[in-house]
Amino acid sequence: MKKILLINPFGIGDVLFTTPVIKALHAGLPGVEVGYWCNERVKEVLKNNPRIARVFALSRGDLKKIFRRSFISGMRSFLGLWGGIRREHFDISLDFSLEHRYSLLSKLCGIPERIGFDYKGRGRFLTHKIPVEGYSGKHVIEYYLSILEPLGVVLPAGKPEMELFLSPESRERAAALLKKAGAGQPLVGIAPGGGLSWGEAAVYKHWQAQKFAQLADILSRDHGCQPVILASNDEAGISRQVLAEMKEKAIDLTGKTTLEELCAVISRLKLLVANDGGPLHIAVAQGVATVSLFGPVDEKVYGPYPPSEKHAVARRQVSCGPCYQNFRFTGCSNMRRCLEDVSVEEVYRHAKGLL
C-alpha cells in the first residue's frame, strides 16, 4: 500500500481542482492512502472527503501569521506540522505549491519520492520535476492530472469532475439557517466577492455591486426567485453595497456561515451568480448551475470544469486580456473594461436560460 501526500497551499478553487487527482489515485492504485497538506482556511472543503485519510491544515502563510503573533507559538505549530507529517511515513508527495519550501519540508519529513511542478527553478528539492512556466491552453485540472504520469496511473475515461463531500450535520445547519431567514424556492445565490487569495487585488475580479443588485432585483421580481447574498466577513463592505442598491428583499448570509455551511447552502441553490472565486467552484463541484464573471483570469484555464451548458461565463473580450499570466497579475491599465463593460442584460440572459 502506498501512502501519498498532496500539497496545495492555495485557495478553495485550486484545492477543488485537485480532487480529480485524488479520485484517479484511488482508481489507479488500489489500497492507496492519501493525506492532504493545505492552508487552514480551506480545510473544511476536504475534511469530509472519504478518499482523504488525514488533512494537515497549515500553510506557509498561516505560519507567518502565527509567528507574527508569537515566536513560541510559531515554532510549536511548525514542529507539530513537521512531526505530524513525519509520523505518517508517506512514500510519495505530489507538490502543487510551485515553490521550494514545501518540497524541502517534505524531504525533511522523510518522504523519499517527491513529484511536482518546477516553476522558475523552485523544484530543486523534488525528485521528479515537471517543468512549467504557467498554465495556459488547457484547464488547471488537466495540468494537475499530469502529475500522475510518473506514477503510471491510467486516468479514468471521460472528463474528470471535481468532488465535494458534505456532512449531514452541515446540511442540517444550512437548512435551519435558511428556514430561520424565511427562505423559499427557488433560491438564487449572489456572490459579489471572491478572490480572497488575491488580497487587495481581488477588486479587479469583481463585477460592480450595483449590477449584482440590479440583476438580483430582476430575478426576484420577474422570476419569483429569492436572492441569497453570500459573502465572508472580509467581504461585508461589498455585500452592504449590493443590499443598499437592491429594491427587492434578499436573504443576507454575510459572515453567517462557516465554509462548510456555505458549501451546504450553495448545494440548495437553483443558480449561483458569482465572480471568479471559491463559491463558483463550490457550486460547480456540487452540480449547481452557475453564471460567472471573469475579468483578468482566463476562464478556459481557471473557469468551470468540465465545460457544460449548466455553466455560463460572462466577460468582455479586450485586447489586453487575460492579464493574469504565468501566475502573475501585473495590474490593469484599461479601467477594468473586461468586467465594467459586461451588462446586466447579458448576465440576465445567461441566468434566464439556466432558470
Foldseek 3Di string as FASTA:
>chain_A
DAEEEEEDADDQLVVLLCQLVLVLCCVQPPPYAYEYEYAQQRCLQPPPPPSHPYYHHHDPVNLVVQVVVPVVSSVVSVVVSLVVLLVVQHQEYEYAHQAQPVLVSVVVSPHPAYFYEHEPNRPPSHPHYDYDQWFDDAAVSVVSNVSCVVVVRDRDDDFGAGAGDADPVLLVVLVVVCVVLVDDPAEEEEEQFFDVSVPPCSVLQGFALLLSQVLQQCCCVVVVYAYEYDEELVCVVSVVSNVVNHPDDHHYCYNVDRPSSLLSNLLRHQEYEETQHNVQSSNLNNVHAYEYEGFLDDCNHSNRPPDDLSYHYAWDDDPCHNQCTSNDRPDDPDPSCRRHVGHSVNSNVSVVVSD
